[in-house]
Each structure stands twice: as C-alpha cells, then as structure tokens.
Amino acid sequence: MGSGGALLAGQTLGLTKSTANRRASVDVVSDADALLGIEGTSGCGGGFSLTNNGQDQFVVEIETDAIDVLQPRTGRRRKRVQFPLPPGPGNTVDVQFAPASDTADEVRISATGPGTEIDLTRRVTTPPLSEGQYRLSPVHSGLYLGYDSGWWGDGRVEQVGYSISWILTPTDDGCAYTIEHYWRDGVITPENRDSSGSPLILEPPDGTAYQRWNVVPIPNAPDRYRIENEGSGYVIDIDGGDTESGAAAIQWPWKGSNPSVKNQFWKIAQV
C-alpha cells in the first residue's frame, strides 16, 4: 500500500477550455480528458497523475493541511509544492502523499496558465504502513501486544513482556488493515462489537468493519499512532493503564492527544 494517496469516488467534472475559469470542489476518481487531466485509483493507497491537455504551460500548485505532499522528483515532504506542467501526455507528473498529523485531507490543486485558472479539491487518504510483520508496543509500558493462548489463558489479546509479531494486511480498498497473529489463525476483533471496554480476541476473518483497523498518526507525537476500529470507532487501549504483563487489551473511546497515561499510544515497528 505504501504511503501514496488516492482519490475517493464521486461525480466527475470535465474542465474544457470553455470552462477553465470555473471553480469547483469535487471528489472524483479520474478525469483524464479535462484541461487539467487527473487520473487516479479508487480507494486508498495509490496516487494520481496530472496531465496538461491544453496548449500552454501550466504552473501547478498543490496544498495540504493534515497530510504531506511529496515533491515530484525530490520526494521531499511539503505542505505546498509548485511545479511547471508543460502540455502533452509525455509530460505527465505523478503526485504522491504521506501521512502527517492525520491520514486523510482535502487536497487543493490549482493550475494557472495564459487565460486559464483551474482550482479543484480532492479527498486523499494515505495509509501509513505497508503490508508486513510488525511489533505493536503501548507507549505507557514499553511492553508488547500479544495473545494469551496457554493452558490457563483466556484466549484474549493482552500486553506481554516479550516481542510478538502481528501481520498488518491492507483491506481490499486499501483504507484500513486487518491485524493477524503471525502464526495463529485469527485477526484482532472486539469480542462485544460496539461495547466500550470489550476485550479484544482473535477470530477468523469475516470481512466486517469490526475486523478493520485504521492506523492514525497522533498529532505532536512523532512515530506514535492510535489504532481505531472501523466498526465501533473505539481504539485499542491497555485496560486501566496497567504496566504489567497480562493486562487486557480492550477497545475504549479515544482520550485525545494529551492524556495523563498514554495507554492508547502505540509504537509500531516493522520486523
């Protein structure tokens, strides 16, 4: 999935020379034949390409707030980039994004040229992690997310004192992840779907929103994330802020970016 962004589906607005000065704010998958041609993929995790279908060179500007745009050619992270876009399909520029304070944003795209002014917005979502094996560590304790599967265990997800790998796999639309135990069959799911405080368990994959997890950067906390269940809206929490091995992993309402105990903050390291 990478750190690229993608456009969410919606109505397509064609911009021809006769409508180039028209201002619009629409979400589209692609509009390759417009004066400023845009091609992208539905869902999350791709990117989009810009083509100048006019006669004169454009100056393109792209601005973001909650995510970063990767400057074409250099790949540097910026909130605002500007670059020339000569006419013709041979000069297409690919635009990619990366998460910053969030993973989704309303990205502003403008193109100006002789007698031409185009202004659009696109909804872009940028999942922060590629598919692979990861260690999930709650920041407040420095321990690891694990699974109690022993003779006396209760078969639930919990905090443990030794490193455990989890497989993060993008969902089909690329907007979220399943979190699968690295050698046991099963993905993390709240046992009582919509209940605050529900223990987390492993269940066979079923494709429901309760097995989909959004990984969202926490503002002003570099390389720290909240892990939010798409079905319930709750986040993974270590019950009571316990720092001991064996403490239950539960789902709980998000307490915000400045809690007294960071038992909802997660460090995620690829194995």
C-alpha atoms as a PDB file:
ATOM      1  CA  MET A   1       0.000   0.000   0.000  1.00  0.00           C
ATOM      2  CA  GLY A   2       2.887   2.319   0.760  1.00  0.00           C
ATOM      3  CA  SER A   3       2.494   5.958   1.624  1.00  0.00           C
ATOM      4  CA  GLY A   4       0.777   7.069  -1.530  1.00  0.00           C
ATOM      5  CA  GLY A   5      -2.641   8.798  -1.547  1.00  0.00           C
ATOM      6  CA  ALA A   6      -5.679   8.044  -3.657  1.00  0.00           C
ATOM      7  CA  LEU A   7      -8.913   9.679  -4.678  1.00  0.00           C
ATOM      8  CA  LEU A   8     -12.292   8.691  -3.388  1.00  0.00           C
ATOM      9  CA  ALA A   9     -15.100   8.090  -5.851  1.00  0.00           C
ATOM     10  CA  GLY A  10     -17.669  10.726  -6.696  1.00  0.00           C
ATOM     11  CA  GLN A  11     -19.020  12.835  -9.507  1.00  0.00           C
ATOM     12  CA  THR A  12     -16.700  13.666 -12.399  1.00  0.00           C
ATOM     13  CA  LEU A  13     -16.486  17.267 -13.592  1.00  0.00           C
ATOM     14  CA  GLY A  14     -14.935  17.839 -17.011  1.00  0.00           C
ATOM     15  CA  LEU A  15     -12.976  21.047 -17.415  1.00  0.00           C
ATOM     16  CA  THR A  16     -12.560  22.084 -21.041  1.00  0.00           C
ATOM     17  CA  LYS A  17     -11.125  25.329 -22.369  1.00  0.00           C
ATOM     18  CA  SER A  18     -14.564  26.916 -22.233  1.00  0.00           C
ATOM     19  CA  THR A  19     -14.934  26.134 -18.532  1.00  0.00           C
ATOM     20  CA  ALA A  20     -11.347  26.564 -17.356  1.00  0.00           C
ATOM     21  CA  ASN A  21     -12.152  29.523 -15.107  1.00  0.00           C
ATOM     22  CA  ARG A  22     -14.920  27.654 -13.322  1.00  0.00           C
ATOM     23  CA  ARG A  23     -14.137  26.905  -9.678  1.00  0.00           C
ATOM     24  CA  ALA A  24     -15.112  23.507  -8.359  1.00  0.00           C
ATOM     25  CA  SER A  25     -14.778  21.356  -5.283  1.00  0.00           C
ATOM     26  CA  VAL A  26     -15.498  17.752  -6.187  1.00  0.00           C
ATOM     27  CA  ASP A  27     -14.259  14.276  -5.322  1.00  0.00           C
ATOM     28  CA  VAL A  28     -13.550  12.175  -8.405  1.00  0.00           C
ATOM     29  CA  VAL A  29     -11.688   9.034  -9.292  1.00  0.00           C
ATOM     30  CA  SER A  30     -10.313  10.400 -12.571  1.00  0.00           C
ATOM     31  CA  ASP A  31     -10.972  12.937 -15.269  1.00  0.00           C
ATOM     32  CA  ALA A  32      -8.262  12.262 -17.817  1.00  0.00           C
ATOM     33  CA  ASP A  33      -9.823  14.334 -20.616  1.00  0.00           C
ATOM     34  CA  ALA A  34     -10.219  17.588 -18.677  1.00  0.00           C
ATOM     35  CA  LEU A  35      -7.989  20.556 -19.394  1.00  0.00           C
ATOM     36  CA  LEU A  36      -6.062  19.532 -16.284  1.00  0.00           C
ATOM     37  CA  GLY A  37      -6.241  15.768 -16.709  1.00  0.00           C
ATOM     38  CA  ILE A  38      -6.350  13.767 -13.471  1.00  0.00           C
ATOM     39  CA  GLU A  39      -6.039  10.002 -13.264  1.00  0.00           C
ATOM     40  CA  GLY A  40      -6.072   8.017 -10.035  1.00  0.00           C
ATOM     41  CA  THR A  41      -7.336   4.871  -8.371  1.00  0.00           C
ATOM     42  CA  SER A  42     -10.389   4.450  -6.196  1.00  0.00           C
ATOM     43  CA  GLY A  43      -9.931   3.651  -2.529  1.00  0.00           C
ATOM     44  CA  CYS A  44      -6.687   4.388  -0.713  1.00  0.00           C
ATOM     45  CA  GLY A  45      -3.042   3.749  -1.252  1.00  0.00           C
ATOM     46  CA  GLY A  46      -2.432   4.791  -4.861  1.00  0.00           C
ATOM     47  CA  GLY A  47      -1.713   8.218  -6.219  1.00  0.00           C
ATOM     48  CA  PHE A  48      -2.796  10.468  -9.017  1.00  0.00           C
ATOM     49  CA  SER A  49      -1.242  11.748 -12.194  1.00  0.00           C
ATOM     50  CA  LEU A  50      -1.653  15.215 -13.710  1.00  0.00           C
ATOM     51  CA  THR A  51      -1.574  15.932 -17.447  1.00  0.00           C
ATOM     52  CA  ASN A  52      -1.823  19.284 -19.202  1.00  0.00           C
ATOM     53  CA  ASN A  53      -4.266  18.797 -22.090  1.00  0.00           C
ATOM     54  CA  GLY A  54      -4.072  22.422 -23.177  1.00  0.00           C
ATOM     55  CA  GLN A  55      -1.764  24.330 -25.497  1.00  0.00           C
ATOM     56  CA  ASP A  56       0.234  26.387 -22.975  1.00  0.00           C
ATOM     57  CA  GLN A  57       2.361  25.513 -19.967  1.00  0.00           C
ATOM     58  CA  PHE A  58       0.674  25.420 -16.554  1.00  0.00           C
ATOM     59  CA  VAL A  59       2.099  26.238 -13.171  1.00  0.00           C
ATOM     60  CA  VAL A  60       0.589  23.671 -10.800  1.00  0.00           C
ATOM     61  CA  GLU A  61       0.325  24.195  -7.055  1.00  0.00           C
ATOM     62  CA  ILE A  62      -0.738  21.527  -4.560  1.00  0.00           C
ATOM     63  CA  GLU A  63      -1.506  22.333  -0.904  1.00  0.00           C
ATOM     64  CA  THR A  64      -2.300  20.100   2.071  1.00  0.00           C
ATOM     65  CA  ASP A  65      -3.027  20.547   5.780  1.00  0.00           C
ATOM     66  CA  ALA A  66      -3.172  17.185   7.582  1.00  0.00           C
ATOM     67  CA  ILE A  67      -1.026  15.098   5.220  1.00  0.00           C
ATOM     68  CA  ASP A  68       2.155  15.848   3.286  1.00  0.00           C
ATOM     69  CA  VAL A  69       2.606  16.065  -0.449  1.00  0.00           C
ATOM     70  CA  LEU A  70       5.841  14.528  -1.736  1.00  0.00           C
ATOM     71  CA  GLN A  71       7.538  16.983  -4.028  1.00  0.00           C
ATOM     72  CA  PRO A  72       7.819  15.484  -7.521  1.00  0.00           C
ATOM     73  CA  ARG A  73      11.367  14.432  -8.406  1.00  0.00           C
ATOM     74  CA  THR A  74      12.915  15.116  -4.959  1.00  0.00           C
ATOM     75  CA  GLY A  75      10.328  13.307  -2.800  1.00  0.00           C
ATOM     76  CA  ARG A  76      10.682  15.900  -0.015  1.00  0.00           C
ATOM     77  CA  ARG A  77       7.701  16.323   2.288  1.00  0.00           C
ATOM     78  CA  ARG A  78       5.928  19.646   1.965  1.00  0.00           C
ATOM     79  CA  LYS A  79       2.550  21.208   2.724  1.00  0.00           C
ATOM     80  CA  ARG A  80       2.761  23.177  -0.512  1.00  0.00           C
ATOM     81  CA  VAL A  81       4.575  22.343  -3.737  1.00  0.00           C
ATOM     82  CA  GLN A  82       4.683  24.120  -7.067  1.00  0.00           C
ATOM     83  CA  PHE A  83       5.981  22.823 -10.377  1.00  0.00           C
ATOM     84  CA  PRO A  84       5.664  23.523 -14.115  1.00  0.00           C
ATOM     85  CA  LEU A  85       3.471  21.233 -16.198  1.00  0.00           C
ATOM     86  CA  PRO A  86       4.183  21.505 -19.936  1.00  0.00           C
ATOM     87  CA  PRO A  87       1.397  20.470 -22.333  1.00  0.00           C
ATOM     88  CA  GLY A  88       1.154  16.952 -23.693  1.00  0.00           C
ATOM     89  CA  PRO A  89       0.758  13.410 -22.330  1.00  0.00           C
ATOM     90  CA  GLY A  90       4.515  12.908 -22.403  1.00  0.00           C
ATOM     91  CA  ASN A  91       4.884  15.407 -19.551  1.00  0.00           C
ATOM     92  CA  THR A  92       2.525  13.751 -17.051  1.00  0.00           C
ATOM     93  CA  VAL A  93       3.560  14.256 -13.398  1.00  0.00           C
ATOM     94  CA  ASP A  94       2.823  11.643 -10.719  1.00  0.00           C
ATOM     95  CA  VAL A  95       1.844  13.049  -7.309  1.00  0.00           C
ATOM     96  CA  GLN A  96       2.219  11.039  -4.095  1.00  0.00           C
ATOM     97  CA  PHE A  97       1.346  11.762  -0.462  1.00  0.00           C
ATOM     98  CA  ALA A  98       2.389  10.685   3.035  1.00  0.00           C
ATOM     99  CA  PRO A  99       0.595  10.869   6.403  1.00  0.00           C
ATOM    100  CA  ALA A 100       1.440  13.689   8.805  1.00  0.00           C
ATOM    101  CA  SER A 101      -0.938  14.758  11.601  1.00  0.00           C
ATOM    102  CA  ASP A 102      -3.625  12.573  10.004  1.00  0.00           C
ATOM    103  CA  THR A 103      -4.050  10.154   7.113  1.00  0.00           C
ATOM    104  CA  ALA A 104      -6.784  11.997   5.183  1.00  0.00           C
ATOM    105  CA  ASP A 105      -7.065  15.519   3.832  1.00  0.00           C
ATOM    106  CA  GLU A 106      -8.842  17.795   1.385  1.00  0.00           C
ATOM    107  CA  VAL A 107      -6.017  18.460  -1.057  1.00  0.00           C
ATOM    108  CA  ARG A 108      -6.161  21.693  -3.060  1.00  0.00           C
ATOM    109  CA  ILE A 109      -4.954  21.603  -6.650  1.00  0.00           C
ATOM    110  CA  SER A 110      -4.591  24.701  -8.828  1.00  0.00           C
ATOM    111  CA  ALA A 111      -3.217  25.222 -12.321  1.00  0.00           C
ATOM    112  CA  THR A 112      -2.635  28.577 -13.987  1.00  0.00           C
ATOM    113  CA  GLY A 113      -1.599  29.492 -17.495  1.00  0.00           C
ATOM    114  CA  PRO A 114      -2.304  32.199 -20.084  1.00  0.00           C
ATOM    115  CA  GLY A 115      -6.009  32.987 -19.652  1.00  0.00           C
ATOM    116  CA  THR A 116      -6.512  29.861 -17.545  1.00  0.00           C
ATOM    117  CA  GLU A 117      -7.225  29.354 -13.858  1.00  0.00           C
ATOM    118  CA  ILE A 118      -8.269  25.950 -12.506  1.00  0.00           C
ATOM    119  CA  ASP A 119      -8.984  25.278  -8.828  1.00  0.00           C
ATOM    120  CA  LEU A 120     -10.075  21.862  -7.515  1.00  0.00           C
ATOM    121  CA  THR A 121     -10.027  19.850  -4.308  1.00  0.00           C
ATOM    122  CA  ARG A 122      -9.638  16.119  -3.944  1.00  0.00           C
ATOM    123  CA  ARG A 123     -10.135  13.919  -0.889  1.00  0.00           C
ATOM    124  CA  VAL A 124      -6.903  11.978  -0.387  1.00  0.00           C
ATOM    125  CA  THR A 125      -6.307   9.134   2.089  1.00  0.00           C
ATOM    126  CA  THR A 126      -2.793   7.890   2.845  1.00  0.00           C
ATOM    127  CA  PRO A 127      -2.474   4.703   4.919  1.00  0.00           C
ATOM    128  CA  PRO A 128       0.811   4.979   6.825  1.00  0.00           C
ATOM    129  CA  LEU A 129       2.156   1.414   6.734  1.00  0.00           C
ATOM    130  CA  SER A 130       2.992  -1.136   4.086  1.00  0.00           C
ATOM    131  CA  GLU A 131       1.922  -4.759   4.385  1.00  0.00           C
ATOM    132  CA  GLY A 132       4.186  -6.794   6.639  1.00  0.00           C
ATOM    133  CA  GLN A 133       5.009  -8.060  10.130  1.00  0.00           C
ATOM    134  CA  TYR A 134       5.104  -5.535  12.973  1.00  0.00           C
ATOM    135  CA  ARG A 135       5.609  -5.322  16.715  1.00  0.00           C
ATOM    136  CA  LEU A 136       2.935  -3.244  18.459  1.00  0.00           C
ATOM    137  CA  SER A 137       4.102  -1.641  21.682  1.00  0.00           C
ATOM    138  CA  PRO A 138       1.955   0.505  24.033  1.00  0.00           C
ATOM    139  CA  VAL A 139       3.935   3.630  24.851  1.00  0.00           C
ATOM    140  CA  HIS A 140       2.953   3.829  28.542  1.00  0.00           C
ATOM    141  CA  SER A 141       4.509   0.445  29.422  1.00  0.00           C
ATOM    142  CA  GLY A 142       7.048  -0.315  26.707  1.00  0.00           C
ATOM    143  CA  LEU A 143       5.777  -3.912  26.585  1.00  0.00           C
ATOM    144  CA  TYR A 144       4.157  -5.604  23.556  1.00  0.00           C
ATOM    145  CA  LEU A 145       0.756  -6.547  22.257  1.00  0.00           C
ATOM    146  CA  GLY A 146       0.419 -10.327  22.481  1.00  0.00           C
ATOM    147  CA  TYR A 147      -2.045 -13.187  22.802  1.00  0.00           C
ATOM    148  CA  ASP A 148      -2.757 -15.414  25.802  1.00  0.00           C
ATOM    149  CA  SER A 149      -3.043 -18.890  24.314  1.00  0.00           C
ATOM    150  CA  GLY A 150      -1.629 -21.070  27.101  1.00  0.00           C
ATOM    151  CA  TRP A 151      -3.360 -23.782  29.107  1.00  0.00           C
ATOM    152  CA  TRP A 152      -4.566 -21.289  31.700  1.00  0.00           C
ATOM    153  CA  GLY A 153      -5.076 -18.427  29.287  1.00  0.00           C
ATOM    154  CA  ASP A 154      -8.381 -16.919  28.306  1.00  0.00           C
ATOM    155  CA  GLY A 155      -7.672 -16.676  24.579  1.00  0.00           C
ATOM    156  CA  ARG A 156      -7.640 -12.907  24.551  1.00  0.00           C
ATOM    157  CA  VAL A 157      -5.302 -10.241  23.260  1.00  0.00           C
ATOM    158  CA  GLU A 158      -3.185  -8.760  26.052  1.00  0.00           C
ATOM    159  CA  GLN A 159       0.001  -6.929  26.930  1.00  0.00           C
ATOM    160  CA  VAL A 160       3.049  -9.207  27.257  1.00  0.00           C
ATOM    161  CA  GLY A 161       6.680  -8.830  28.191  1.00  0.00           C
ATOM    162  CA  TYR A 162       8.149 -10.462  25.091  1.00  0.00           C
ATOM    163  CA  SER A 163       8.101  -9.471  21.439  1.00  0.00           C
ATOM    164  CA  ILE A 164       5.230 -10.780  19.318  1.00  0.00           C
ATOM    165  CA  SER A 165       4.773 -10.227  15.588  1.00  0.00           C
ATOM    166  CA  TRP A 166       1.480  -9.225  14.014  1.00  0.00           C
ATOM    167  CA  ILE A 167       0.762  -9.225  10.294  1.00  0.00           C
ATOM    168  CA  LEU A 168      -0.813  -5.979   9.096  1.00  0.00           C
ATOM    169  CA  THR A 169      -2.616  -6.527   5.811  1.00  0.00           C
ATOM    170  CA  PRO A 170      -4.352  -3.754   3.875  1.00  0.00           C
ATOM    171  CA  THR A 171      -8.056  -4.329   3.324  1.00  0.00           C
ATOM    172  CA  ASP A 172      -9.311  -4.668  -0.255  1.00  0.00           C
ATOM    173  CA  ASP A 173      -9.983  -0.953  -0.587  1.00  0.00           C
ATOM    174  CA  GLY A 174      -6.604  -0.139   0.951  1.00  0.00           C
ATOM    175  CA  CYS A 175      -8.095   2.214   3.563  1.00  0.00           C
ATOM    176  CA  ALA A 176      -7.571   0.085   6.699  1.00  0.00           C
ATOM    177  CA  TYR A 177      -5.794  -3.035   7.972  1.00  0.00           C
ATOM    178  CA  THR A 178      -6.515  -6.425   9.432  1.00  0.00           C
ATOM    179  CA  ILE A 179      -4.195  -7.353  12.298  1.00  0.00           C
ATOM    180  CA  GLU A 180      -3.413 -11.071  12.235  1.00  0.00           C
ATOM    181  CA  HIS A 181      -1.400 -13.140  14.680  1.00  0.00           C
ATOM    182  CA  TYR A 182       1.810 -14.204  12.957  1.00  0.00           C
ATOM    183  CA  TRP A 183       1.305 -17.967  13.481  1.00  0.00           C
ATOM    184  CA  ARG A 184      -2.203 -18.489  14.847  1.00  0.00           C
ATOM    185  CA  ASP A 185      -5.227 -18.253  12.590  1.00  0.00           C
ATOM    186  CA  GLY A 186      -7.250 -15.212  13.518  1.00  0.00           C
ATOM    187  CA  VAL A 187      -7.413 -11.435  13.339  1.00  0.00           C
ATOM    188  CA  ILE A 188      -7.968  -8.972  16.178  1.00  0.00           C
ATOM    189  CA  THR A 189     -11.660  -8.246  16.777  1.00  0.00           C
ATOM    190  CA  PRO A 190     -13.621  -6.745  19.707  1.00  0.00           C
ATOM    191  CA  GLU A 191     -15.488  -9.592  21.362  1.00  0.00           C
ATOM    192  CA  ASN A 192     -18.569  -7.436  22.044  1.00  0.00           C
ATOM    193  CA  ARG A 193     -18.657  -5.452  18.865  1.00  0.00           C
ATOM    194  CA  ASP A 194     -19.929  -1.988  19.865  1.00  0.00           C
ATOM    195  CA  SER A 195     -19.275  -2.159  23.603  1.00  0.00           C
ATOM    196  CA  SER A 196     -16.827   0.221  25.215  1.00  0.00           C
ATOM    197  CA  GLY A 197     -14.398  -1.845  27.268  1.00  0.00           C
ATOM    198  CA  SER A 198     -14.857  -5.004  25.221  1.00  0.00           C
ATOM    199  CA  PRO A 199     -11.871  -7.368  25.329  1.00  0.00           C
ATOM    200  CA  LEU A 200     -10.034  -7.981  22.072  1.00  0.00           C
ATOM    201  CA  ILE A 201      -9.891 -11.557  20.801  1.00  0.00           C
ATOM    202  CA  LEU A 202      -8.784 -13.456  17.699  1.00  0.00           C
ATOM    203  CA  GLU A 203     -11.489 -14.524  15.235  1.00  0.00           C
ATOM    204  CA  PRO A 204     -11.449 -16.000  11.724  1.00  0.00           C
ATOM    205  CA  PRO A 205     -11.512 -13.258   9.085  1.00  0.00           C
ATOM    206  CA  ASP A 206     -15.044 -12.333   8.027  1.00  0.00           C
ATOM    207  CA  GLY A 207     -14.550  -9.030   6.207  1.00  0.00           C
ATOM    208  CA  THR A 208     -16.693  -6.962   8.587  1.00  0.00           C
ATOM    209  CA  ALA A 209     -15.834  -3.454   9.750  1.00  0.00           C
ATOM    210  CA  TYR A 210     -15.117  -4.810  13.260  1.00  0.00           C
ATOM    211  CA  GLN A 211     -12.010  -6.529  11.899  1.00  0.00           C
ATOM    212  CA  ARG A 212     -10.792  -3.396  10.124  1.00  0.00           C
ATOM    213  CA  TRP A 213      -8.400  -1.092  11.955  1.00  0.00           C
ATOM    214  CA  ASN A 214      -7.329   2.420  10.997  1.00  0.00           C
ATOM    215  CA  VAL A 215      -3.776   3.364  11.976  1.00  0.00           C
ATOM    216  CA  VAL A 216      -3.708   7.121  12.542  1.00  0.00           C
ATOM    217  CA  PRO A 217      -0.683   9.295  13.441  1.00  0.00           C
ATOM    218  CA  ILE A 218      -1.100  11.200  16.713  1.00  0.00           C
ATOM    219  CA  PRO A 219      -0.536  14.972  16.389  1.00  0.00           C
ATOM    220  CA  ASN A 220       2.643  16.253  18.051  1.00  0.00           C
ATOM    221  CA  ALA A 221       3.734  12.692  18.880  1.00  0.00           C
ATOM    222  CA  PRO A 222       6.193  11.614  16.160  1.00  0.00           C
ATOM    223  CA  ASP A 223       6.002   7.940  15.168  1.00  0.00           C
ATOM    224  CA  ARG A 224       3.126   7.290  17.569  1.00  0.00           C
ATOM    225  CA  TYR A 225      -0.278   6.039  16.437  1.00  0.00           C
ATOM    226  CA  ARG A 226      -3.778   5.304  17.613  1.00  0.00           C
ATOM    227  CA  ILE A 227      -5.325   2.084  16.286  1.00  0.00           C
ATOM    228  CA  GLU A 228      -9.011   2.678  15.689  1.00  0.00           C
ATOM    229  CA  ASN A 229     -11.682   0.079  14.978  1.00  0.00           C
ATOM    230  CA  GLU A 230     -13.689   0.990  11.905  1.00  0.00           C
ATOM    231  CA  GLY A 231     -16.875  -0.672  13.143  1.00  0.00           C
ATOM    232  CA  SER A 232     -17.076   0.645  16.711  1.00  0.00           C
ATOM    233  CA  GLY A 233     -14.974   3.811  16.435  1.00  0.00           C
ATOM    234  CA  TYR A 234     -13.061   2.840  19.602  1.00  0.00           C
ATOM    235  CA  VAL A 235      -9.275   2.481  19.843  1.00  0.00           C
ATOM    236  CA  ILE A 236      -7.004  -0.247  21.220  1.00  0.00           C
ATOM    237  CA  ASP A 237      -6.336   0.501  24.896  1.00  0.00           C
ATOM    238  CA  ILE A 238      -4.472  -1.355  27.676  1.00  0.00           C
ATOM    239  CA  ASP A 239      -7.085  -1.707  30.389  1.00  0.00           C
ATOM    240  CA  GLY A 240      -6.645   0.776  33.211  1.00  0.00           C
ATOM    241  CA  GLY A 241      -3.239   1.909  32.009  1.00  0.00           C
ATOM    242  CA  ASP A 242      -1.742  -1.215  33.625  1.00  0.00           C
ATOM    243  CA  THR A 243       2.006  -1.581  33.083  1.00  0.00           C
ATOM    244  CA  GLU A 244       2.223  -5.275  33.994  1.00  0.00           C
ATOM    245  CA  SER A 245       2.395  -8.228  31.626  1.00  0.00           C
ATOM    246  CA  GLY A 246      -1.001  -9.884  31.274  1.00  0.00           C
ATOM    247  CA  ALA A 247      -3.057  -6.684  31.265  1.00  0.00           C
ATOM    248  CA  ALA A 248      -6.010  -6.984  28.891  1.00  0.00           C
ATOM    249  CA  ALA A 249      -6.173  -5.179  25.566  1.00  0.00           C
ATOM    250  CA  ILE A 250      -9.625  -3.651  25.165  1.00  0.00           C
ATOM    251  CA  GLN A 251     -11.397  -1.125  22.962  1.00  0.00           C
ATOM    252  CA  TRP A 252     -12.114   2.243  24.542  1.00  0.00           C
ATOM    253  CA  PRO A 253     -13.064   5.781  23.445  1.00  0.00           C
ATOM    254  CA  TRP A 254     -10.118   7.848  22.272  1.00  0.00           C
ATOM    255  CA  LYS A 255      -8.870  10.059  25.132  1.00  0.00           C
ATOM    256  CA  GLY A 256      -7.128  12.580  22.882  1.00  0.00           C
ATOM    257  CA  SER A 257      -3.568  13.597  22.152  1.00  0.00           C
ATOM    258  CA  ASN A 258      -2.624  14.716  25.686  1.00  0.00           C
ATOM    259  CA  PRO A 259      -3.793  12.050  28.167  1.00  0.00           C
ATOM    260  CA  SER A 260      -2.179  11.579  31.565  1.00  0.00           C
ATOM    261  CA  VAL A 261      -1.442   7.928  30.725  1.00  0.00           C
ATOM    262  CA  LYS A 262      -0.502   7.009  27.165  1.00  0.00           C
ATOM    263  CA  ASN A 263      -2.061   3.552  27.132  1.00  0.00           C
ATOM    264  CA  GLN A 264      -3.708   4.308  23.764  1.00  0.00           C
ATOM    265  CA  PHE A 265      -0.475   5.459  22.109  1.00  0.00           C
ATOM    266  CA  TRP A 266       1.255   2.797  20.029  1.00  0.00           C
ATOM    267  CA  LYS A 267       4.735   2.423  18.660  1.00  0.00           C
ATOM    268  CA  ILE A 268       4.659   0.269  15.535  1.00  0.00           C
ATOM    269  CA  ALA A 269       7.949  -1.231  14.356  1.00  0.00           C
ATOM    270  CA  GLN A 270       8.375  -3.439  11.308  1.00  0.00           C
ATOM    271  CA  VAL A 271      10.014  -6.779  11.986  1.00  0.00           C
END
